[in-house]
C-alpha atoms as a PDB file:
ATOM      1  CA  MET A   1     -33.444   8.480 -18.589  1.00  0.00           C
ATOM      2  CA  ARG A   2     -33.865   6.641 -21.850  1.00  0.00           C
ATOM      3  CA  ASN A   3     -36.002   3.552 -22.134  1.00  0.00           C
ATOM      4  CA  LYS A   4     -35.047   2.194 -25.542  1.00  0.00           C
ATOM      5  CA  LEU A   5     -31.904   0.136 -25.973  1.00  0.00           C
ATOM      6  CA  SER A   6     -30.003   0.153 -29.234  1.00  0.00           C
ATOM      7  CA  LEU A   7     -29.486  -3.082 -31.150  1.00  0.00           C
ATOM      8  CA  GLU A   8     -25.829  -3.024 -30.105  1.00  0.00           C
ATOM      9  CA  GLU A   9     -26.820  -2.752 -26.437  1.00  0.00           C
ATOM     10  CA  LYS A  10     -29.349  -5.579 -26.790  1.00  0.00           C
ATOM     11  CA  LEU A  11     -26.715  -7.800 -28.401  1.00  0.00           C
ATOM     12  CA  PHE A  12     -24.229  -6.979 -25.650  1.00  0.00           C
ATOM     13  CA  ILE A  13     -26.784  -7.933 -22.965  1.00  0.00           C
ATOM     14  CA  ARG A  14     -27.550 -11.163 -24.834  1.00  0.00           C
ATOM     15  CA  ASP A  15     -23.853 -12.021 -25.183  1.00  0.00           C
ATOM     16  CA  PHE A  16     -23.246 -11.212 -21.526  1.00  0.00           C
ATOM     17  CA  GLY A  17     -26.030 -13.607 -20.565  1.00  0.00           C
ATOM     18  CA  MET A  18     -24.598 -16.377 -22.713  1.00  0.00           C
ATOM     19  CA  HIS A  19     -21.198 -15.895 -21.097  1.00  0.00           C
ATOM     20  CA  LEU A  20     -22.717 -15.914 -17.607  1.00  0.00           C
ATOM     21  CA  LYS A  21     -24.454 -19.192 -18.439  1.00  0.00           C
ATOM     22  CA  ALA A  22     -21.165 -20.713 -19.631  1.00  0.00           C
ATOM     23  CA  LEU A  23     -19.410 -19.653 -16.418  1.00  0.00           C
ATOM     24  CA  ARG A  24     -22.253 -21.109 -14.343  1.00  0.00           C
ATOM     25  CA  GLU A  25     -22.252 -24.386 -16.240  1.00  0.00           C
ATOM     26  CA  GLU A  26     -18.445 -24.686 -15.942  1.00  0.00           C
ATOM     27  CA  ARG A  27     -19.018 -24.737 -12.180  1.00  0.00           C
ATOM     28  CA  ASN A  28     -21.860 -27.270 -12.441  1.00  0.00           C
ATOM     29  CA  LEU A  29     -24.350 -24.868 -10.864  1.00  0.00           C
ATOM     30  CA  SER A  30     -28.043 -24.726 -11.635  1.00  0.00           C
ATOM     31  CA  GLN A  31     -29.679 -21.342 -12.061  1.00  0.00           C
ATOM     32  CA  THR A  32     -31.508 -21.883  -8.785  1.00  0.00           C
ATOM     33  CA  LYS A  33     -28.290 -22.732  -6.945  1.00  0.00           C
ATOM     34  CA  LEU A  34     -26.507 -19.667  -8.328  1.00  0.00           C
ATOM     35  CA  GLU A  35     -29.450 -17.476  -7.287  1.00  0.00           C
ATOM     36  CA  ALA A  36     -29.270 -18.921  -3.780  1.00  0.00           C
ATOM     37  CA  ILE A  37     -25.504 -18.437  -3.466  1.00  0.00           C
ATOM     38  CA  ALA A  38     -25.664 -14.907  -4.872  1.00  0.00           C
ATOM     39  CA  GLY A  39     -28.793 -13.946  -2.940  1.00  0.00           C
ATOM     40  CA  LEU A  40     -30.744 -13.068  -6.064  1.00  0.00           C
ATOM     41  CA  SER A  41     -34.494 -13.340  -6.467  1.00  0.00           C
ATOM     42  CA  LYS A  42     -36.162 -16.300  -8.143  1.00  0.00           C
ATOM     43  CA  ASN A  43     -35.679 -16.479 -11.921  1.00  0.00           C
ATOM     44  CA  GLN A  44     -33.226 -13.562 -11.917  1.00  0.00           C
ATOM     45  CA  VAL A  45     -30.366 -15.668 -13.321  1.00  0.00           C
ATOM     46  CA  TRP A  46     -32.660 -16.991 -16.068  1.00  0.00           C
ATOM     47  CA  ARG A  47     -33.640 -13.438 -16.998  1.00  0.00           C
ATOM     48  CA  ILE A  48     -30.003 -12.298 -17.117  1.00  0.00           C
ATOM     49  CA  GLU A  49     -28.796 -15.360 -19.044  1.00  0.00           C
ATOM     50  CA  ASN A  50     -31.561 -14.899 -21.602  1.00  0.00           C
ATOM     51  CA  GLY A  51     -30.961 -11.187 -22.112  1.00  0.00           C
ATOM     52  CA  GLU A  52     -34.334 -10.304 -20.627  1.00  0.00           C
ATOM     53  CA  VAL A  53     -32.943  -7.796 -18.153  1.00  0.00           C
ATOM     54  CA  ASN A  54     -30.190  -5.194 -18.084  1.00  0.00           C
ATOM     55  CA  THR A  55     -28.951  -6.105 -14.633  1.00  0.00           C
ATOM     56  CA  THR A  56     -27.456  -3.831 -11.986  1.00  0.00           C
ATOM     57  CA  ILE A  57     -23.877  -3.331 -10.895  1.00  0.00           C
ATOM     58  CA  SER A  58     -24.863  -4.705  -7.479  1.00  0.00           C
ATOM     59  CA  ASN A  59     -26.077  -7.922  -9.094  1.00  0.00           C
ATOM     60  CA  LEU A  60     -22.850  -8.194 -11.080  1.00  0.00           C
ATOM     61  CA  LYS A  61     -20.860  -8.000  -7.852  1.00  0.00           C
ATOM     62  CA  LEU A  62     -23.026 -10.717  -6.271  1.00  0.00           C
ATOM     63  CA  LEU A  63     -22.734 -12.961  -9.331  1.00  0.00           C
ATOM     64  CA  ALA A  64     -18.959 -12.562  -9.558  1.00  0.00           C
ATOM     65  CA  LYS A  65     -18.564 -13.454  -5.893  1.00  0.00           C
ATOM     66  CA  ALA A  66     -20.902 -16.448  -6.214  1.00  0.00           C
ATOM     67  CA  LEU A  67     -18.972 -17.698  -9.263  1.00  0.00           C
ATOM     68  CA  ASP A  68     -15.626 -16.971  -7.577  1.00  0.00           C
ATOM     69  CA  VAL A  69     -14.422 -14.717 -10.394  1.00  0.00           C
ATOM     70  CA  GLU A  70     -13.359 -11.105 -10.647  1.00  0.00           C
ATOM     71  CA  ILE A  71     -16.080  -8.786 -11.956  1.00  0.00           C
ATOM     72  CA  ALA A  72     -13.931  -8.119 -15.030  1.00  0.00           C
ATOM     73  CA  GLN A  73     -14.125 -11.819 -15.954  1.00  0.00           C
ATOM     74  CA  LEU A  74     -17.868 -11.470 -16.410  1.00  0.00           C
ATOM     75  CA  PHE A  75     -17.071  -9.260 -19.403  1.00  0.00           C
ATOM     76  CA  GLU A  76     -14.397 -11.423 -21.035  1.00  0.00           C
ATOM     77  CA  PHE A  77     -16.567 -12.496 -23.927  1.00  0.00           C
ATOM     78  CA  ARG A  78     -15.936  -9.740 -26.476  1.00  0.00           C
ATOM     79  CA  ASP A  79     -12.980  -8.991 -28.732  1.00  0.00           C
END
């Protein structure tokens, strides 16, 4: 398993986080509230939104459900 992410991967994770934040803010949810609804640990949303973590598929499913969007919508930020 590789540990180093390419620049392209880092930028994708950053852009994903920015999109997640926009979706959250559109629903007037705080990070803490989204964590509670999704059942994520404390500060997990902050870490994802700030590109600090390459999150899991399981977390993506939880976030999509909490935001009431399809998982695919979490990735609708790239051309």
